[in-house]
């Protein structure tokens, strides 16, 4: 399963976060083709579209994670 492969990739490279890029062949609807994993992926363009909710949610998740690690 693709999710398991992404988790394995992140574990192998000791990543806590990764923005994965894939492409799909729209003619054959084949398996996703891996392009890259960016450990500092950009998502800030979504803030403009979604009233800053992505950054706010990510910040909350990071705080919760940090508090759980104590």
N, C-alpha and C. Protein backbone atom coordinates (compact mmCIF):
# COMPACT_ATOMS: atom_id res chain seq x y z
N UNK A 1 0.84 -1.17 0.00
CA UNK A 1 0.00 0.00 0.00
C UNK A 1 0.89 1.25 0.00
N UNK A 2 0.46 2.28 -0.69
CA UNK A 2 1.26 3.49 -0.86
C UNK A 2 1.59 4.16 0.47
N UNK A 3 0.64 4.20 1.37
CA UNK A 3 0.88 4.83 2.68
C UNK A 3 2.02 4.11 3.41
N UNK A 4 2.00 2.79 3.38
CA UNK A 4 3.06 2.03 4.03
C UNK A 4 4.42 2.30 3.39
N UNK A 5 4.44 2.44 2.08
CA UNK A 5 5.69 2.74 1.38
C UNK A 5 6.21 4.11 1.77
N UNK A 6 5.31 5.08 1.93
CA UNK A 6 5.72 6.42 2.35
C UNK A 6 6.27 6.39 3.77
N UNK A 7 5.61 5.66 4.65
CA UNK A 7 6.10 5.54 6.03
C UNK A 7 7.48 4.87 6.06
N UNK A 8 7.65 3.85 5.25
CA UNK A 8 8.94 3.16 5.18
C UNK A 8 10.03 4.11 4.69
N UNK A 9 9.72 4.89 3.67
CA UNK A 9 10.67 5.88 3.13
C UNK A 9 11.07 6.87 4.23
N UNK A 10 10.07 7.38 4.94
CA UNK A 10 10.35 8.36 5.98
C UNK A 10 11.19 7.76 7.10
N UNK A 11 10.90 6.52 7.47
CA UNK A 11 11.69 5.85 8.51
C UNK A 11 13.13 5.63 8.05
N UNK A 12 13.28 5.20 6.80
CA UNK A 12 14.62 4.93 6.27
C UNK A 12 15.49 6.18 6.26
N UNK A 13 14.89 7.33 6.02
CA UNK A 13 15.65 8.58 5.97
C UNK A 13 15.48 9.42 7.24
N UNK A 14 14.93 8.82 8.29
CA UNK A 14 14.76 9.48 9.60
C UNK A 14 14.02 10.81 9.48
N UNK A 15 12.93 10.82 8.73
CA UNK A 15 12.13 12.03 8.54
C UNK A 15 10.94 12.01 9.48
N UNK A 16 10.65 13.16 10.08
CA UNK A 16 9.44 13.32 10.88
C UNK A 16 8.29 13.84 10.03
N UNK A 17 8.64 14.50 8.92
CA UNK A 17 7.65 15.08 8.01
C UNK A 17 8.19 14.96 6.60
N UNK A 18 7.31 14.75 5.66
CA UNK A 18 7.71 14.72 4.26
C UNK A 18 6.53 15.04 3.36
N UNK A 19 6.74 15.91 2.39
CA UNK A 19 5.71 16.23 1.40
C UNK A 19 6.04 15.42 0.15
N UNK A 20 5.23 14.42 -0.13
CA UNK A 20 5.47 13.52 -1.25
C UNK A 20 4.79 14.05 -2.50
N UNK A 21 5.51 13.95 -3.61
CA UNK A 21 4.95 14.32 -4.91
C UNK A 21 4.87 13.08 -5.79
N UNK A 22 3.70 12.89 -6.38
CA UNK A 22 3.46 11.77 -7.29
C UNK A 22 2.77 12.28 -8.54
N UNK A 23 2.85 11.52 -9.61
CA UNK A 23 2.05 11.79 -10.79
C UNK A 23 1.25 10.54 -11.12
N UNK A 24 0.13 10.74 -11.80
CA UNK A 24 -0.70 9.64 -12.26
C UNK A 24 -0.83 9.73 -13.77
N UNK A 25 -0.76 8.61 -14.43
CA UNK A 25 -1.00 8.55 -15.86
C UNK A 25 -2.50 8.58 -16.07
N UNK A 26 -3.02 9.70 -16.56
CA UNK A 26 -4.47 9.85 -16.69
C UNK A 26 -5.06 8.99 -17.81
N UNK A 27 -4.23 8.48 -18.67
CA UNK A 27 -4.74 7.64 -19.75
C UNK A 27 -4.90 6.20 -19.27
N UNK A 28 -3.88 5.67 -18.61
CA UNK A 28 -3.89 4.28 -18.17
C UNK A 28 -4.33 4.10 -16.72
N UNK A 29 -4.40 5.20 -15.94
CA UNK A 29 -4.74 5.12 -14.53
C UNK A 29 -3.88 4.08 -13.81
N UNK A 30 -2.61 4.17 -14.06
CA UNK A 30 -1.66 3.23 -13.48
C UNK A 30 -1.32 3.62 -12.05
N UNK A 31 -0.40 2.88 -11.47
CA UNK A 31 0.07 3.18 -10.12
C UNK A 31 0.69 4.58 -10.10
N UNK A 32 0.62 5.26 -8.94
CA UNK A 32 1.29 6.56 -8.82
C UNK A 32 2.79 6.40 -9.04
N UNK A 33 3.38 7.40 -9.67
CA UNK A 33 4.82 7.42 -9.91
C UNK A 33 5.44 8.43 -8.95
N UNK A 34 6.37 7.95 -8.12
CA UNK A 34 7.04 8.79 -7.13
C UNK A 34 7.95 9.78 -7.83
N UNK A 35 7.84 11.06 -7.45
CA UNK A 35 8.72 12.09 -7.98
C UNK A 35 9.75 12.51 -6.94
N UNK A 36 9.28 12.86 -5.74
CA UNK A 36 10.19 13.31 -4.70
C UNK A 36 9.50 13.33 -3.34
N UNK A 37 10.32 13.41 -2.32
CA UNK A 37 9.83 13.66 -0.96
C UNK A 37 10.60 14.87 -0.45
N UNK A 38 9.89 15.93 -0.18
CA UNK A 38 10.51 17.16 0.29
C UNK A 38 10.32 17.25 1.80
N UNK A 39 11.41 17.18 2.58
CA UNK A 39 11.28 17.21 4.04
C UNK A 39 10.88 18.58 4.59
N UNK A 40 10.82 19.58 3.74
CA UNK A 40 10.36 20.91 4.15
C UNK A 40 9.34 21.41 3.14
N UNK A 41 8.37 20.57 2.84
CA UNK A 41 7.40 20.85 1.77
C UNK A 41 6.63 22.15 1.96
N UNK A 42 6.30 22.75 0.88
CA UNK A 42 5.55 24.01 0.87
C UNK A 42 4.06 23.72 0.85
N UNK A 43 3.36 24.34 1.72
CA UNK A 43 1.92 24.26 1.72
C UNK A 43 1.31 25.62 1.98
N UNK A 44 2.16 26.64 2.07
CA UNK A 44 1.68 27.97 2.45
C UNK A 44 0.69 28.56 1.45
N UNK A 45 0.73 28.11 0.19
CA UNK A 45 -0.22 28.62 -0.79
C UNK A 45 -1.65 28.24 -0.39
N UNK A 46 -1.79 27.16 0.39
CA UNK A 46 -3.12 26.76 0.84
C UNK A 46 -3.69 27.74 1.86
N UNK A 47 -2.82 28.39 2.62
CA UNK A 47 -3.30 29.35 3.60
C UNK A 47 -4.11 30.46 2.95
N UNK A 48 -3.66 30.92 1.79
CA UNK A 48 -4.39 31.97 1.09
C UNK A 48 -5.76 31.49 0.64
N UNK A 49 -5.83 30.23 0.25
CA UNK A 49 -7.10 29.68 -0.24
C UNK A 49 -8.05 29.28 0.88
N UNK A 50 -7.48 28.93 2.04
CA UNK A 50 -8.29 28.35 3.12
C UNK A 50 -8.24 29.16 4.41
N UNK A 51 -8.08 30.46 4.29
CA UNK A 51 -8.15 31.37 5.43
C UNK A 51 -7.20 30.98 6.57
N UNK A 52 -5.97 30.63 6.22
CA UNK A 52 -4.90 30.31 7.18
C UNK A 52 -5.15 29.07 8.03
N UNK A 53 -6.13 28.25 7.70
CA UNK A 53 -6.41 27.06 8.51
C UNK A 53 -5.30 26.02 8.47
N UNK A 54 -4.67 25.74 7.31
CA UNK A 54 -3.61 24.71 7.32
C UNK A 54 -2.48 25.03 8.30
N UNK A 55 -1.99 26.25 8.29
CA UNK A 55 -0.88 26.60 9.20
C UNK A 55 -1.33 26.55 10.65
N UNK A 56 -2.54 26.99 10.92
CA UNK A 56 -3.06 26.95 12.28
C UNK A 56 -3.17 25.51 12.78
N UNK A 57 -3.71 24.62 11.95
CA UNK A 57 -3.84 23.22 12.34
C UNK A 57 -2.48 22.55 12.52
N UNK A 58 -1.55 22.84 11.62
CA UNK A 58 -0.21 22.26 11.74
C UNK A 58 0.46 22.74 13.03
N UNK A 59 0.31 24.01 13.33
CA UNK A 59 0.88 24.53 14.57
C UNK A 59 0.32 23.83 15.80
N UNK A 60 -0.98 23.61 15.81
CA UNK A 60 -1.61 22.91 16.93
C UNK A 60 -1.09 21.48 17.05
N UNK A 61 -0.95 20.80 15.91
CA UNK A 61 -0.43 19.43 15.92
C UNK A 61 1.00 19.38 16.45
N UNK A 62 1.82 20.33 16.06
CA UNK A 62 3.21 20.37 16.51
C UNK A 62 3.29 20.62 18.02
N UNK A 63 2.44 21.50 18.52
CA UNK A 63 2.42 21.76 19.96
C UNK A 63 1.98 20.51 20.71
N UNK A 64 0.93 19.85 20.23
CA UNK A 64 0.47 18.62 20.87
C UNK A 64 1.56 17.55 20.86
N UNK A 65 2.26 17.43 19.75
CA UNK A 65 3.35 16.44 19.65
C UNK A 65 4.44 16.77 20.64
N UNK A 66 4.83 18.03 20.72
CA UNK A 66 5.88 18.44 21.64
C UNK A 66 5.49 18.16 23.09
N UNK A 67 4.24 18.44 23.43
CA UNK A 67 3.78 18.19 24.79
C UNK A 67 3.73 16.70 25.11
N UNK A 68 3.39 15.88 24.12
CA UNK A 68 3.37 14.43 24.31
C UNK A 68 4.76 13.84 24.49
N UNK A 69 5.80 14.53 24.00
CA UNK A 69 7.17 14.03 24.06
C UNK A 69 7.82 14.31 25.40
N UNK A 70 7.18 15.07 26.24
CA UNK A 70 7.75 15.42 27.55
C UNK A 70 7.89 14.23 28.43
